[in-house]
Structure formats: C-alpha cells, structure tokens
Amino acid sequence: MMKMITEIQIFLLTEKGASAVEYALLASLIGAATLGAQTSMGNAVVLMYQNAVGILNSAMS
C-alpha cells in the first residue's frame, strides 16, 4: 500500500504526468472540434443530396 502511494506521489510530481494530462486535454479538444465539423459538414451533404433528388424528381415529371 505504501509503495502505491509513493508511486502516485512520484507520478504527480514529475513532468511526465503533467505532459500526459496536457496531451489528453489537447486530444479531447481536437476530437470535439472534429466532431463539430463533421456534424455541420454532414448536414450540408444531406441537404445537397436532397436538392439533387428534388431536381431529378421535377425533371422526370
């Protein structure tokens, strides 16, 4: 038990732990931005296909 506490203290005091947290935050921000871009881009693609189908339907009737 004491060894585990010591290992946790060493992890928290080293720069490696801080760097890992910073990279995790950076990765989560990039993921959130990517998800937002894909969502808005996906909606634009759906609208584009709906317009194309509408044009084709009106051309066929």
N, C-alpha and C. Protein backbone atom coordinates (compact mmCIF):
# COMPACT_ATOMS: atom_id res chain seq x y z
N MET A 1 0.83 -1.20 0.00
CA MET A 1 0.00 0.00 0.00
C MET A 1 0.87 1.26 0.00
N MET A 2 1.92 1.22 0.81
CA MET A 2 2.81 2.38 0.91
C MET A 2 3.55 2.60 -0.40
N LYS A 3 3.91 1.49 -1.07
CA LYS A 3 4.61 1.61 -2.35
C LYS A 3 3.70 2.26 -3.39
N MET A 4 2.43 1.93 -3.38
CA MET A 4 1.50 2.51 -4.33
C MET A 4 1.35 4.01 -4.09
N ILE A 5 1.26 4.42 -2.85
CA ILE A 5 1.15 5.85 -2.52
C ILE A 5 2.41 6.58 -2.97
N THR A 6 3.56 5.97 -2.74
CA THR A 6 4.82 6.58 -3.17
C THR A 6 4.86 6.71 -4.68
N GLU A 7 4.43 5.68 -5.41
CA GLU A 7 4.41 5.73 -6.87
C GLU A 7 3.46 6.83 -7.37
N ILE A 8 2.33 6.99 -6.74
CA ILE A 8 1.38 8.05 -7.12
C ILE A 8 1.99 9.42 -6.88
N GLN A 9 2.66 9.59 -5.75
CA GLN A 9 3.30 10.87 -5.46
C GLN A 9 4.39 11.18 -6.49
N ILE A 10 5.17 10.18 -6.85
CA ILE A 10 6.22 10.40 -7.86
C ILE A 10 5.59 10.78 -9.19
N PHE A 11 4.51 10.10 -9.56
CA PHE A 11 3.83 10.39 -10.82
C PHE A 11 3.29 11.83 -10.84
N LEU A 12 2.71 12.26 -9.72
CA LEU A 12 2.15 13.60 -9.66
C LEU A 12 3.22 14.69 -9.64
N LEU A 13 4.39 14.37 -9.16
CA LEU A 13 5.44 15.37 -9.05
C LEU A 13 6.33 15.46 -10.29
N THR A 14 6.27 14.47 -11.16
CA THR A 14 7.12 14.51 -12.35
C THR A 14 6.43 15.28 -13.46
N GLU A 15 7.22 15.74 -14.40
CA GLU A 15 6.70 16.48 -15.56
C GLU A 15 5.96 15.55 -16.51
N LYS A 16 6.26 14.28 -16.49
CA LYS A 16 5.61 13.34 -17.39
C LYS A 16 4.11 13.29 -17.14
N GLY A 17 3.72 13.34 -15.89
CA GLY A 17 2.29 13.32 -15.56
C GLY A 17 1.58 14.55 -16.08
N ALA A 18 2.21 15.72 -15.93
CA ALA A 18 1.62 16.96 -16.42
C ALA A 18 1.53 16.95 -17.94
N SER A 19 2.55 16.45 -18.59
CA SER A 19 2.54 16.37 -20.04
C SER A 19 1.44 15.45 -20.53
N ALA A 20 1.25 14.34 -19.86
CA ALA A 20 0.21 13.39 -20.27
C ALA A 20 -1.17 14.03 -20.15
N VAL A 21 -1.39 14.78 -19.10
CA VAL A 21 -2.68 15.45 -18.91
C VAL A 21 -2.87 16.51 -19.99
N GLU A 22 -1.83 17.26 -20.29
CA GLU A 22 -1.93 18.29 -21.33
C GLU A 22 -2.24 17.67 -22.68
N TYR A 23 -1.57 16.56 -23.00
CA TYR A 23 -1.84 15.89 -24.27
C TYR A 23 -3.26 15.33 -24.31
N ALA A 24 -3.75 14.83 -23.20
CA ALA A 24 -5.11 14.31 -23.15
C ALA A 24 -6.13 15.43 -23.37
N LEU A 25 -5.89 16.58 -22.77
CA LEU A 25 -6.78 17.72 -22.98
C LEU A 25 -6.74 18.20 -24.42
N LEU A 26 -5.56 18.26 -24.98
CA LEU A 26 -5.40 18.68 -26.37
C LEU A 26 -6.11 17.70 -27.31
N ALA A 27 -5.95 16.42 -27.07
CA ALA A 27 -6.61 15.41 -27.91
C ALA A 27 -8.13 15.50 -27.79
N SER A 28 -8.64 15.76 -26.60
CA SER A 28 -10.10 15.87 -26.44
C SER A 28 -10.63 17.12 -27.13
N LEU A 29 -9.89 18.22 -27.10
CA LEU A 29 -10.32 19.43 -27.81
C LEU A 29 -10.31 19.22 -29.32
N ILE A 30 -9.29 18.54 -29.83
CA ILE A 30 -9.24 18.24 -31.26
C ILE A 30 -10.39 17.32 -31.64
N GLY A 31 -10.69 16.36 -30.81
CA GLY A 31 -11.81 15.45 -31.07
C GLY A 31 -13.14 16.18 -31.10
N ALA A 32 -13.33 17.10 -30.18
CA ALA A 32 -14.58 17.87 -30.14
C ALA A 32 -14.71 18.76 -31.37
N ALA A 33 -13.61 19.38 -31.79
CA ALA A 33 -13.65 20.22 -32.98
C ALA A 33 -13.93 19.39 -34.23
N THR A 34 -13.33 18.22 -34.31
CA THR A 34 -13.56 17.33 -35.45
C THR A 34 -15.01 16.87 -35.50
N LEU A 35 -15.55 16.53 -34.36
CA LEU A 35 -16.95 16.09 -34.30
C LEU A 35 -17.88 17.21 -34.74
N GLY A 36 -17.63 18.42 -34.29
CA GLY A 36 -18.45 19.56 -34.69
C GLY A 36 -18.37 19.82 -36.18
N ALA A 37 -17.18 19.73 -36.74
CA ALA A 37 -17.01 19.95 -38.18
C ALA A 37 -17.71 18.87 -38.99
N GLN A 38 -17.60 17.63 -38.55
CA GLN A 38 -18.24 16.54 -39.27
C GLN A 38 -19.76 16.66 -39.20
N THR A 39 -20.28 17.10 -38.08
CA THR A 39 -21.73 17.25 -37.94
C THR A 39 -22.25 18.31 -38.90
N SER A 40 -21.61 19.47 -38.93
CA SER A 40 -22.09 20.53 -39.82
C SER A 40 -21.86 20.16 -41.28
N MET A 41 -20.75 19.51 -41.56
CA MET A 41 -20.47 19.09 -42.93
C MET A 41 -21.46 18.00 -43.36
N GLY A 42 -21.80 17.11 -42.45
CA GLY A 42 -22.77 16.05 -42.75
C GLY A 42 -24.13 16.62 -43.10
N ASN A 43 -24.56 17.65 -42.36
CA ASN A 43 -25.84 18.29 -42.65
C ASN A 43 -25.82 18.94 -44.03
N ALA A 44 -24.71 19.53 -44.41
CA ALA A 44 -24.59 20.17 -45.71
C ALA A 44 -24.66 19.13 -46.83
N VAL A 45 -24.05 17.98 -46.61
CA VAL A 45 -24.07 16.92 -47.63
C VAL A 45 -25.48 16.37 -47.78
N VAL A 46 -26.18 16.17 -46.69
CA VAL A 46 -27.56 15.69 -46.75
C VAL A 46 -28.42 16.68 -47.52
N LEU A 47 -28.28 17.95 -47.24
CA LEU A 47 -29.04 18.99 -47.94
C LEU A 47 -28.71 18.99 -49.44
N MET A 48 -27.45 18.80 -49.77
CA MET A 48 -27.04 18.76 -51.18
C MET A 48 -27.72 17.60 -51.90
N TYR A 49 -27.74 16.41 -51.29
CA TYR A 49 -28.38 15.26 -51.92
C TYR A 49 -29.89 15.43 -52.00
N GLN A 50 -30.49 16.03 -51.00
CA GLN A 50 -31.93 16.29 -51.05
C GLN A 50 -32.27 17.24 -52.19
N ASN A 51 -31.46 18.25 -52.39
CA ASN A 51 -31.68 19.18 -53.51
C ASN A 51 -31.52 18.46 -54.85
N ALA A 52 -30.51 17.60 -54.96
CA ALA A 52 -30.29 16.86 -56.21
C ALA A 52 -31.47 15.94 -56.51
N VAL A 53 -32.00 15.27 -55.50
CA VAL A 53 -33.15 14.39 -55.69
C VAL A 53 -34.37 15.21 -56.10
N GLY A 54 -34.54 16.37 -55.50
CA GLY A 54 -35.66 17.24 -55.87
C GLY A 54 -35.57 17.68 -57.33
N ILE A 55 -34.37 18.04 -57.76
CA ILE A 55 -34.17 18.46 -59.14
C ILE A 55 -34.45 17.29 -60.10
N LEU A 56 -33.95 16.11 -59.75
CA LEU A 56 -34.20 14.95 -60.60
C LEU A 56 -35.68 14.58 -60.65
N ASN A 57 -36.35 14.65 -59.53
CA ASN A 57 -37.79 14.34 -59.50
C ASN A 57 -38.59 15.32 -60.33
N SER A 58 -38.26 16.60 -60.24
CA SER A 58 -39.00 17.59 -61.02
C SER A 58 -38.66 17.47 -62.52
N ALA A 59 -37.46 17.03 -62.85
CA ALA A 59 -37.10 16.83 -64.25
C ALA A 59 -37.80 15.62 -64.85
N MET A 60 -38.10 14.64 -64.02
CA MET A 60 -38.72 13.40 -64.50
C MET A 60 -40.24 13.52 -64.58
N SER A 61 -40.83 14.53 -63.96
CA SER A 61 -42.28 14.62 -64.00
C SER A 61 -42.78 15.62 -65.01
